[in-house]
């Protein structure tokens, strides 16, 4: 059973599909008013976890409670407490923004009295008021995501589940989307978000790193960074991909990550690490354009924890 301050509690939550274990004995607690990020690569088990917590999918084993309600035994009562936005949210392309909002208001049996005010508030909240008569199919990707969020909020849920809501959305729309989420947090909504964008993990109060269905670590972004062993050298060269391949081969004890045109290398001793990198690149005739020590990013933390526990 969950604590009174818990918005969500999962106890050994497991989901198997035949021989595949998609989620493996996941246990976690999320407090009310928290922004919790579930981070992992594609196929890690993020969506399956979220669908079980949102009472859309039954677990093979284990239990979960949301706002004190058991996701299996009280799934119907739970629907009024939660909002869920899947990766492909079910907007109706041939309906206008207003028509979509009214459709979801009907699904949640929102009373006619006060409905217009609620829809007006959500349109303003998501900056969609000028587009209320536009067909959903004619909206940009970012606007569609904001409309999906508005539809998920139509019944004023206390817990909001968002499955990779900014996937494939342009950077400006991503920023706008997060601004809206922070407004919701100020209103006391608990938010659980899955993302493959590790920079977004820094925006969360706490982060759970999931890989192959297992929760490898769960803490604040600051505390997760402190799990990092060693120092990080950021290396810029004329060919980042080649550099990463060379360092993985020649320095197998160091964790290597490729970030655009830069390579991150985890080393125990920075001075010796610099010398070794310089030596390898000179021998392979790769032009070194810069090398410096940097603070670990969430990507670095994830790669490091994967190497250690994965």
Protein backbone atom coordinates (compact mmCIF):
# COMPACT_ATOMS: atom_id res chain seq x y z
CA UNK A 1 0.00 0.00 0.00
CA UNK A 2 1.23 3.53 -0.74
CA UNK A 3 2.03 6.35 1.70
CA UNK A 4 -0.41 9.29 1.90
CA UNK A 5 2.21 11.62 0.32
CA UNK A 6 2.92 9.25 -2.56
CA UNK A 7 1.38 10.05 -5.91
CA UNK A 8 2.71 6.78 -7.34
CA UNK A 9 4.13 3.61 -5.85
CA UNK A 10 5.31 0.59 -7.83
CA UNK A 11 6.31 -2.63 -6.11
CA UNK A 12 8.20 -5.25 -8.15
CA UNK A 13 6.25 -4.27 -11.27
CA UNK A 14 6.95 -6.82 -14.03
CA UNK A 15 5.70 -7.29 -17.56
CA UNK A 16 6.55 -10.22 -19.79
CA UNK A 17 5.59 -10.78 -23.43
CA UNK A 18 6.28 -14.46 -24.02
CA UNK A 19 10.01 -14.94 -23.40
CA UNK A 20 10.71 -11.19 -23.38
CA UNK A 21 10.76 -9.41 -20.01
CA UNK A 22 9.93 -5.81 -20.94
CA UNK A 23 9.87 -4.55 -17.33
CA UNK A 24 11.78 -6.43 -14.67
CA UNK A 25 10.73 -6.07 -10.98
CA UNK A 26 10.58 -2.28 -11.07
CA UNK A 27 10.13 -0.63 -7.67
CA UNK A 28 9.87 3.12 -7.20
CA UNK A 29 7.98 5.86 -5.38
CA UNK A 30 7.01 9.27 -6.79
CA UNK A 31 5.79 11.96 -4.39
CA UNK A 32 2.89 14.33 -5.01
CA UNK A 33 3.86 17.43 -6.98
CA UNK A 34 7.03 15.84 -8.34
CA UNK A 35 8.29 15.98 -11.91
CA UNK A 36 9.75 12.52 -12.49
CA UNK A 37 11.64 11.54 -15.64
CA UNK A 38 11.96 7.96 -16.85
CA UNK A 39 14.96 7.92 -19.15
CA UNK A 40 16.27 5.21 -21.44
CA UNK A 41 16.89 4.24 -25.04
CA UNK A 42 14.23 2.81 -27.37
CA UNK A 43 13.03 -0.58 -26.15
CA UNK A 44 14.23 0.03 -22.57
CA UNK A 45 10.74 -0.49 -21.11
CA UNK A 46 9.68 3.14 -20.56
CA UNK A 47 6.36 2.99 -22.41
CA UNK A 48 5.40 -0.38 -20.92
CA UNK A 49 6.11 0.96 -17.42
CA UNK A 50 4.01 4.04 -18.05
CA UNK A 51 1.11 2.05 -19.50
CA UNK A 52 1.05 -0.17 -16.40
CA UNK A 53 1.13 2.86 -14.08
CA UNK A 54 -1.69 4.48 -16.05
CA UNK A 55 -3.80 1.29 -15.68
CA UNK A 56 -3.87 0.75 -19.45
CA UNK A 57 -1.93 -2.51 -19.26
CA UNK A 58 -2.00 -5.17 -16.54
CA UNK A 59 1.34 -6.28 -15.09
CA UNK A 60 2.44 -9.90 -15.22
CA UNK A 61 3.50 -9.55 -11.59
CA UNK A 62 3.81 -6.86 -8.94
CA UNK A 63 1.53 -4.01 -7.89
CA UNK A 64 1.16 -0.27 -8.41
CA UNK A 65 -0.89 2.47 -6.76
CA UNK A 66 -1.65 5.94 -8.12
CA UNK A 67 -3.11 8.51 -5.69
CA UNK A 68 -3.77 5.63 -3.32
CA UNK A 69 -5.76 3.60 -5.87
CA UNK A 70 -4.58 0.17 -7.00
CA UNK A 71 -4.04 0.23 -10.78
CA UNK A 72 -5.55 -3.24 -11.21
CA UNK A 73 -8.44 -3.37 -8.74
CA UNK A 74 -9.47 0.31 -9.01
CA UNK A 75 -8.61 1.12 -12.62
CA UNK A 76 -12.01 2.67 -13.45
CA UNK A 77 -11.96 5.04 -10.47
CA UNK A 78 -8.36 5.92 -11.31
CA UNK A 79 -9.25 7.33 -14.75
CA UNK A 80 -10.67 10.50 -13.18
CA UNK A 81 -7.37 11.11 -11.36
CA UNK A 82 -4.95 10.79 -14.27
CA UNK A 83 -4.20 12.21 -17.69
CA UNK A 84 -2.29 10.12 -20.21
CA UNK A 85 -0.66 11.29 -23.42
CA UNK A 86 0.82 8.54 -25.54
CA UNK A 87 3.54 8.95 -28.18
CA UNK A 88 0.85 8.96 -30.87
CA UNK A 89 -1.90 10.83 -29.07
CA UNK A 90 -5.35 10.19 -30.58
CA UNK A 91 -6.14 13.59 -32.09
CA UNK A 92 -8.79 13.62 -34.80
CA UNK A 93 -7.15 15.23 -37.82
CA UNK A 94 -10.45 16.24 -39.46
CA UNK A 95 -11.75 17.99 -36.32
CA UNK A 96 -10.78 21.52 -35.31
CA UNK A 97 -8.86 22.32 -32.15
CA UNK A 98 -12.12 23.23 -30.39
CA UNK A 99 -13.89 20.11 -31.64
CA UNK A 100 -11.08 17.89 -30.36
CA UNK A 101 -11.25 19.52 -26.93
CA UNK A 102 -15.04 19.14 -26.80
CA UNK A 103 -14.73 15.50 -27.88
CA UNK A 104 -12.37 14.72 -24.99
CA UNK A 105 -14.59 16.71 -22.63
CA UNK A 106 -17.45 14.38 -23.66
CA UNK A 107 -15.27 11.29 -23.09
CA UNK A 108 -14.57 12.44 -19.52
CA UNK A 109 -18.21 13.48 -19.03
CA UNK A 110 -17.20 17.06 -18.25
CA UNK A 111 -20.36 18.98 -17.24
CA UNK A 112 -21.61 21.56 -19.73
CA UNK A 113 -21.57 24.14 -16.96
CA UNK A 114 -18.03 25.50 -16.74
CA UNK A 115 -16.86 23.58 -19.80
CA UNK A 116 -16.36 26.66 -21.98
CA UNK A 117 -14.31 28.31 -19.23
CA UNK A 118 -12.12 25.19 -18.87
CA UNK A 119 -11.55 24.93 -22.62
CA UNK A 120 -10.82 28.66 -22.81
CA UNK A 121 -8.28 28.33 -19.99
CA UNK A 122 -6.54 25.40 -21.71
CA UNK A 123 -6.44 27.22 -25.06
CA UNK A 124 -4.86 30.24 -23.41
CA UNK A 125 -2.57 28.04 -21.31
CA UNK A 126 -1.21 26.29 -24.41
CA UNK A 127 -1.19 29.39 -26.66
CA UNK A 128 -3.70 27.75 -29.01
CA UNK A 129 -6.46 30.39 -28.78
CA UNK A 130 -5.65 31.88 -32.24
CA UNK A 131 -5.85 28.38 -33.76
CA UNK A 132 -9.08 27.14 -32.15
CA UNK A 133 -10.86 26.86 -35.52
CA UNK A 134 -7.94 25.21 -37.32
CA UNK A 135 -8.14 21.52 -38.24
CA UNK A 136 -5.83 19.41 -36.09
CA UNK A 137 -4.38 17.88 -39.25
CA UNK A 138 -3.16 21.34 -40.32
CA UNK A 139 -1.28 22.07 -37.09
CA UNK A 140 2.50 21.92 -36.80
CA UNK A 141 4.09 19.07 -34.81
CA UNK A 142 4.62 21.30 -31.78
CA UNK A 143 1.03 22.58 -31.85
CA UNK A 144 -0.31 19.03 -32.13
CA UNK A 145 1.64 18.10 -29.00
CA UNK A 146 0.23 21.11 -27.14
CA UNK A 147 -3.30 20.21 -28.26
CA UNK A 148 -2.71 16.62 -27.13
CA UNK A 149 -1.62 17.93 -23.73
CA UNK A 150 -4.67 20.21 -23.49
CA UNK A 151 -6.95 17.23 -24.27
CA UNK A 152 -5.20 15.14 -21.58
CA UNK A 153 -5.80 17.99 -19.08
CA UNK A 154 -9.47 18.59 -19.92
CA UNK A 155 -10.72 16.84 -16.75
CA UNK A 156 -8.09 18.46 -14.44
CA UNK A 157 -6.13 15.30 -13.53
CA UNK A 158 -3.92 15.17 -10.44
CA UNK A 159 -1.31 12.97 -12.12
CA UNK A 160 -0.14 13.41 -15.71
CA UNK A 161 1.63 10.68 -17.69
CA UNK A 162 3.48 11.89 -20.79
CA UNK A 163 5.16 9.34 -23.06
CA UNK A 164 7.97 11.01 -25.02
CA UNK A 165 5.87 14.13 -25.65
CA UNK A 166 8.67 16.13 -27.30
CA UNK A 167 9.93 13.35 -29.59
CA UNK A 168 10.48 14.79 -33.07
CA UNK A 169 9.37 18.29 -32.02
CA UNK A 170 11.48 21.33 -32.96
CA UNK A 171 13.61 22.98 -30.21
CA UNK A 172 11.37 26.06 -29.84
CA UNK A 173 8.25 23.91 -29.39
CA UNK A 174 10.12 21.72 -26.91
CA UNK A 175 10.96 24.81 -24.85
CA UNK A 176 7.32 25.99 -24.97
CA UNK A 177 6.10 22.53 -23.94
CA UNK A 178 8.37 22.51 -20.88
CA UNK A 179 7.21 26.01 -19.92
CA UNK A 180 3.65 24.64 -19.83
CA UNK A 181 4.75 21.67 -17.70
CA UNK A 182 6.33 24.00 -15.13
CA UNK A 183 3.03 25.91 -14.93
CA UNK A 184 1.25 22.62 -14.19
CA UNK A 185 3.77 21.82 -11.44
CA UNK A 186 2.96 25.16 -9.80
CA UNK A 187 -0.67 24.04 -9.75
CA UNK A 188 0.33 20.86 -7.84
CA UNK A 189 0.06 18.34 -10.70
CA UNK A 190 2.37 15.34 -10.45
CA UNK A 191 4.07 14.70 -13.80
CA UNK A 192 5.75 11.52 -15.05
CA UNK A 193 7.53 11.92 -18.37
CA UNK A 194 9.46 9.43 -20.47
CA UNK A 195 12.13 10.82 -22.75
CA UNK A 196 15.05 9.74 -24.88
CA UNK A 197 16.40 13.32 -24.73
CA UNK A 198 18.83 13.13 -21.85
CA UNK A 199 19.16 16.94 -21.64
CA UNK A 200 15.48 16.96 -20.61
CA UNK A 201 16.32 14.78 -17.62
CA UNK A 202 18.06 17.81 -16.09
CA UNK A 203 14.68 19.53 -15.92
CA UNK A 204 13.21 16.81 -13.68
CA UNK A 205 13.21 16.71 -9.88
CA UNK A 206 14.30 13.07 -10.03
CA UNK A 207 15.28 10.71 -12.81
CA UNK A 208 15.01 6.95 -13.19
CA UNK A 209 17.47 5.38 -15.62
CA UNK A 210 15.94 2.28 -17.19
CA UNK A 211 17.68 -0.28 -19.41
CA UNK A 212 16.36 -3.63 -20.65
CA UNK A 213 13.43 -3.32 -18.26
CA UNK A 214 15.57 -2.78 -15.17
CA UNK A 215 15.76 0.42 -13.14
CA UNK A 216 19.52 0.97 -12.88
CA UNK A 217 19.50 4.18 -10.84
CA UNK A 218 16.97 6.65 -9.45
CA UNK A 219 17.88 10.02 -7.92
CA UNK A 220 18.13 13.76 -8.56
CA UNK A 221 20.16 14.79 -11.63
CA UNK A 222 22.75 16.32 -9.27
CA UNK A 223 23.10 13.11 -7.23
CA UNK A 224 23.25 10.94 -10.36
CA UNK A 225 26.18 13.01 -11.61
CA UNK A 226 28.01 12.24 -8.39
CA UNK A 227 27.78 8.53 -9.25
CA UNK A 228 30.22 9.21 -12.07
CA UNK A 229 33.62 7.71 -11.42
CA UNK A 230 36.60 9.46 -12.99
CA UNK A 231 36.92 12.70 -14.95
CA UNK A 232 35.65 13.58 -18.41
CA UNK A 233 37.87 14.77 -21.22
CA UNK A 234 36.01 16.51 -24.04
CA UNK A 235 37.95 16.01 -27.27
CA UNK A 236 37.45 17.91 -30.53
CA UNK A 237 39.11 16.56 -33.66
CA UNK A 238 38.79 16.71 -37.44
CA UNK A 239 36.81 13.42 -37.37
CA UNK A 240 34.77 12.72 -34.21
CA UNK A 241 33.46 9.31 -35.32
CA UNK A 242 36.93 8.02 -36.18
CA UNK A 243 38.25 9.41 -32.89
CA UNK A 244 35.56 7.60 -30.89
CA UNK A 245 36.32 4.31 -32.69
CA UNK A 246 40.06 4.68 -32.08
CA UNK A 247 39.68 5.50 -28.39
CA UNK A 248 37.27 2.59 -27.81
CA UNK A 249 39.84 0.27 -29.39
CA UNK A 250 43.03 1.73 -27.88
CA UNK A 251 41.64 2.72 -24.45
CA UNK A 252 39.15 -0.06 -23.61
CA UNK A 253 39.16 0.83 -19.89
CA UNK A 254 37.77 4.32 -20.60
CA UNK A 255 34.09 4.96 -21.31
CA UNK A 256 33.72 6.73 -24.69
CA UNK A 257 30.68 8.77 -25.77
CA UNK A 258 30.07 10.55 -29.08
CA UNK A 259 28.19 13.87 -28.84
CA UNK A 260 27.91 15.50 -32.25
CA UNK A 261 31.38 16.78 -33.19
CA UNK A 262 32.81 16.07 -29.72
CA UNK A 263 33.99 12.91 -27.99
CA UNK A 264 33.75 12.41 -24.23
CA UNK A 265 36.26 10.08 -22.61
CA UNK A 266 36.09 9.05 -18.94
CA UNK A 267 39.56 8.74 -17.41
CA UNK A 268 40.85 8.05 -13.90
CA UNK A 269 43.86 10.34 -14.22
CA UNK A 270 43.30 13.38 -16.48
CA UNK A 271 47.00 14.16 -17.07
CA UNK A 272 47.81 10.59 -18.15
CA UNK A 273 44.59 10.46 -20.17
CA UNK A 274 45.52 13.61 -22.09
CA UNK A 275 48.96 12.21 -22.91
CA UNK A 276 47.53 8.89 -24.14
CA UNK A 277 44.85 10.57 -26.31
CA UNK A 278 47.44 12.90 -27.81
CA UNK A 279 49.73 9.96 -28.56
CA UNK A 280 46.95 7.89 -30.23
CA UNK A 281 45.73 10.77 -32.39
CA UNK A 282 49.24 11.74 -33.52
CA UNK A 283 50.05 8.15 -34.45
CA UNK A 284 46.78 7.83 -36.43
CA UNK A 285 47.24 11.31 -37.97
CA UNK A 286 43.95 12.69 -36.67
CA UNK A 287 44.05 16.46 -36.13
CA UNK A 288 43.42 17.41 -32.49
CA UNK A 289 41.52 20.72 -32.31
CA UNK A 290 40.98 20.91 -28.57
CA UNK A 291 40.85 18.90 -25.34
CA UNK A 292 39.52 19.98 -21.94
CA UNK A 293 38.00 18.70 -18.71
CA UNK A 294 34.20 19.15 -18.50
CA UNK A 295 31.41 18.52 -16.00
CA UNK A 296 29.48 15.30 -16.76
CA UNK A 297 26.22 15.61 -18.71
CA UNK A 298 23.28 13.26 -18.14
CA UNK A 299 24.42 11.42 -21.28
CA UNK A 300 27.79 10.82 -19.64
CA UNK A 301 26.10 9.57 -16.48
CA UNK A 302 23.84 7.21 -18.44
CA UNK A 303 26.73 5.77 -20.48
CA UNK A 304 28.80 5.34 -17.31
CA UNK A 305 26.01 3.58 -15.36
CA UNK A 306 25.24 1.36 -18.37
CA UNK A 307 28.88 0.31 -18.60
CA UNK A 308 28.95 -0.44 -14.89
CA UNK A 309 25.58 -2.17 -14.42
CA UNK A 310 24.16 -2.84 -17.85
